[in-house]
Protein backbone atom coordinates (compact mmCIF):
# COMPACT_ATOMS: atom_id res chain seq x y z
CA UNK A 1 -22.72 -16.69 -11.17
CA UNK A 2 -26.42 -16.65 -10.61
CA UNK A 3 -28.21 -18.13 -7.61
CA UNK A 4 -28.27 -21.46 -9.47
CA UNK A 5 -24.48 -21.63 -9.72
CA UNK A 6 -24.42 -20.84 -13.45
CA UNK A 7 -22.49 -17.88 -14.79
CA UNK A 8 -24.74 -15.12 -16.11
CA UNK A 9 -24.08 -13.88 -19.64
CA UNK A 10 -21.67 -10.96 -19.46
CA UNK A 11 -20.71 -11.68 -15.84
CA UNK A 12 -17.35 -10.49 -14.59
CA UNK A 13 -14.53 -12.99 -14.52
CA UNK A 14 -12.52 -11.60 -11.58
CA UNK A 15 -11.37 -8.42 -9.88
CA UNK A 16 -8.24 -7.57 -11.88
CA UNK A 17 -6.78 -4.72 -9.83
CA UNK A 18 -7.48 -1.67 -7.72
CA UNK A 19 -5.81 1.58 -8.74
CA UNK A 20 -4.62 4.27 -6.33
CA UNK A 21 -3.46 7.68 -7.50
CA UNK A 22 -0.40 8.75 -5.52
CA UNK A 23 1.82 11.81 -5.48
CA UNK A 24 5.05 9.95 -4.64
CA UNK A 25 5.31 6.70 -6.58
CA UNK A 26 8.61 5.61 -5.02
CA UNK A 27 7.28 6.07 -1.48
CA UNK A 28 4.07 4.20 -2.35
CA UNK A 29 6.03 1.29 -3.85
CA UNK A 30 8.20 1.13 -0.72
CA UNK A 31 5.13 1.18 1.57
CA UNK A 32 3.36 -1.65 -0.22
CA UNK A 33 6.60 -3.63 -0.57
CA UNK A 34 7.04 -3.35 3.22
CA UNK A 35 3.48 -4.67 3.55
CA UNK A 36 4.50 -7.70 1.49
CA UNK A 37 3.36 -6.93 -2.05
CA UNK A 38 5.76 -7.65 -4.90
CA UNK A 39 6.52 -5.32 -7.79
CA UNK A 40 5.12 -6.97 -10.91
CA UNK A 41 6.11 -4.27 -13.40
CA UNK A 42 6.27 -0.59 -14.23
CA UNK A 43 5.27 1.50 -17.23
CA UNK A 44 4.63 5.02 -18.44
CA UNK A 45 1.41 5.51 -20.37
CA UNK A 46 0.38 8.43 -22.55
CA UNK A 47 -1.22 9.33 -25.85
CA UNK A 48 -4.63 9.67 -27.43
CA UNK A 49 -5.94 6.27 -26.37
CA UNK A 50 -5.07 6.95 -22.73
CA UNK A 51 -6.60 10.45 -22.95
CA UNK A 52 -9.85 9.02 -24.30
CA UNK A 53 -9.91 6.23 -21.71
CA UNK A 54 -9.59 8.48 -18.65
CA UNK A 55 -11.38 11.52 -20.10
CA UNK A 56 -8.45 13.91 -19.71
CA UNK A 57 -6.15 15.62 -22.22
CA UNK A 58 -2.38 15.34 -22.31
CA UNK A 59 -2.17 12.40 -19.93
CA UNK A 60 1.21 11.05 -19.00
CA UNK A 61 1.31 8.77 -15.98
CA UNK A 62 3.79 6.43 -14.38
CA UNK A 63 2.37 3.15 -13.16
CA UNK A 64 3.69 0.45 -10.84
CA UNK A 65 1.75 -2.82 -10.58
CA UNK A 66 2.09 -4.54 -7.21
CA UNK A 67 1.01 -8.18 -6.65
CA UNK A 68 -0.04 -9.97 -3.47
CA UNK A 69 2.16 -12.94 -2.53
CA UNK A 70 -0.58 -15.42 -3.48
CA UNK A 71 -0.70 -13.93 -7.00
CA UNK A 72 -4.46 -13.30 -6.91
CA UNK A 73 -4.60 -9.60 -6.04
CA UNK A 74 -3.00 -6.62 -7.74
CA UNK A 75 -2.71 -2.99 -6.82
CA UNK A 76 -1.96 -0.38 -9.49
CA UNK A 77 -0.12 2.65 -8.15
CA UNK A 78 -0.47 5.60 -10.54
CA UNK A 79 1.31 8.96 -10.51
CA UNK A 80 -0.08 11.48 -12.98
CA UNK A 81 2.78 13.53 -14.39
CA UNK A 82 0.34 15.50 -16.57
CA UNK A 83 -2.20 16.73 -15.88
CA UNK A 84 -1.28 16.99 -12.22
CA UNK A 85 -3.56 15.27 -9.73
CA UNK A 86 -6.22 17.18 -7.81
CA UNK A 87 -5.74 17.59 -4.09
CA UNK A 88 -7.99 15.67 -1.73
CA UNK A 89 -8.03 15.82 2.06
CA UNK A 90 -5.58 13.03 2.97
CA UNK A 91 -7.02 12.90 6.49
CA UNK A 92 -10.67 12.46 5.44
CA UNK A 93 -12.48 10.12 7.84
CA UNK A 94 -13.38 6.56 6.80
CA UNK A 95 -17.07 7.47 6.33
CA UNK A 96 -16.31 9.98 3.53
CA UNK A 97 -18.29 9.24 0.36
CA UNK A 98 -16.08 7.54 -2.19
CA UNK A 99 -13.33 6.91 0.35
CA UNK A 100 -10.89 4.13 -0.47
CA UNK A 101 -10.14 1.35 1.97
CA UNK A 102 -8.19 -1.78 1.13
CA UNK A 103 -8.03 -4.69 3.56
CA UNK A 104 -5.25 -7.25 3.73
CA UNK A 105 -5.25 -10.47 5.73
CA UNK A 106 -1.96 -10.77 7.63
CA UNK A 107 -0.35 -13.40 9.84
CA UNK A 108 1.19 -11.05 12.44
CA UNK A 109 -0.45 -7.64 12.64
CA UNK A 110 2.11 -6.26 15.13
CA UNK A 111 5.01 -7.17 12.83
CA UNK A 112 3.31 -5.59 9.81
CA UNK A 113 2.63 -2.37 11.74
CA UNK A 114 6.29 -2.16 12.76
CA UNK A 115 7.39 -2.62 9.13
CA UNK A 116 4.97 0.06 7.88
CA UNK A 117 5.62 2.79 10.47
CA UNK A 118 8.97 3.83 8.91
CA UNK A 119 7.03 4.32 5.65
CA UNK A 120 4.64 6.84 7.19
CA UNK A 121 1.81 4.55 8.33
CA UNK A 122 -0.37 6.23 10.95
CA UNK A 123 -3.21 4.58 12.86
CA UNK A 124 -6.67 5.94 12.07
CA UNK A 125 -8.19 4.54 15.27
CA UNK A 126 -7.09 1.76 17.59
CA UNK A 127 -5.92 -1.79 17.08
CA UNK A 128 -8.96 -3.75 18.26
CA UNK A 129 -10.00 -7.31 18.98
CA UNK A 130 -13.27 -7.99 17.12
CA UNK A 131 -15.21 -10.61 19.04
CA UNK A 132 -13.15 -13.83 19.11
CA UNK A 133 -12.39 -13.69 15.39
CA UNK A 134 -9.94 -10.96 14.35
CA UNK A 135 -7.48 -8.33 15.43
CA UNK A 136 -8.18 -5.35 13.19
CA UNK A 137 -6.63 -1.97 12.54
CA UNK A 138 -7.12 0.90 10.09
CA UNK A 139 -4.08 2.95 9.12
CA UNK A 140 -3.24 5.66 6.61
CA UNK A 141 -0.93 4.80 3.78
CA UNK A 142 0.28 6.71 0.71
CA UNK A 143 -1.89 9.63 -0.44
CA UNK A 144 -4.08 9.18 2.65
CA UNK A 145 -5.47 5.83 1.51
CA UNK A 146 -6.92 3.81 4.36
CA UNK A 147 -5.35 0.37 4.63
CA UNK A 148 -6.99 -2.15 6.95
CA UNK A 149 -5.17 -5.14 8.36
CA UNK A 150 -6.90 -8.25 9.69
CA UNK A 151 -5.27 -11.05 11.67
CA UNK A 152 -7.40 -14.11 12.36
CA UNK A 153 -7.41 -15.14 16.01
CA UNK A 154 -9.15 -18.46 15.46
C-alpha cells in the first residue's frame, strides 16, 4: 500500500515463505516441529525448469514446507541432493552480511528453549529482558541459522 492506504500497482500481496538450505532435512524438520511449526508437505524438485529458476545445472532437491500454527507463516527447508551445497561458517556472528535470522513470538520462552536443546539449539548470547516489553534470545538452529525467540512481558 502507499502512504494513502491504496495498493500500488505491482505491490506484493504477502510474504509467502522463507527458505533455508540445510544439510540434514530430517534434523531440521524435527527442530522446527519442536519449535511448534507443522509439516505442511514434502516434495522433490528437479529438471530444466528448476535448473533455470535457481541458476544451477542438474538440480535435485528435497523440500519440506513447515507452517506456523496460525497458518500465516511458512518456512521452506531445502536440502540440495545435487549439486551439493556450499559450506558456510555455521558459527558466523549475527552481524555477518547476508546472515539469516528468523524471529518467532512465543508464549513461554523457557519451555521452547527446553524443547529445542535436544535438537541442537545453542544460545548465541544471553536470554535478556528488553526494557519492560520482551524476553529475547538468539539461538543457533539447523545449518547455523540464527533463530530469535520473543516472549512479550506486557
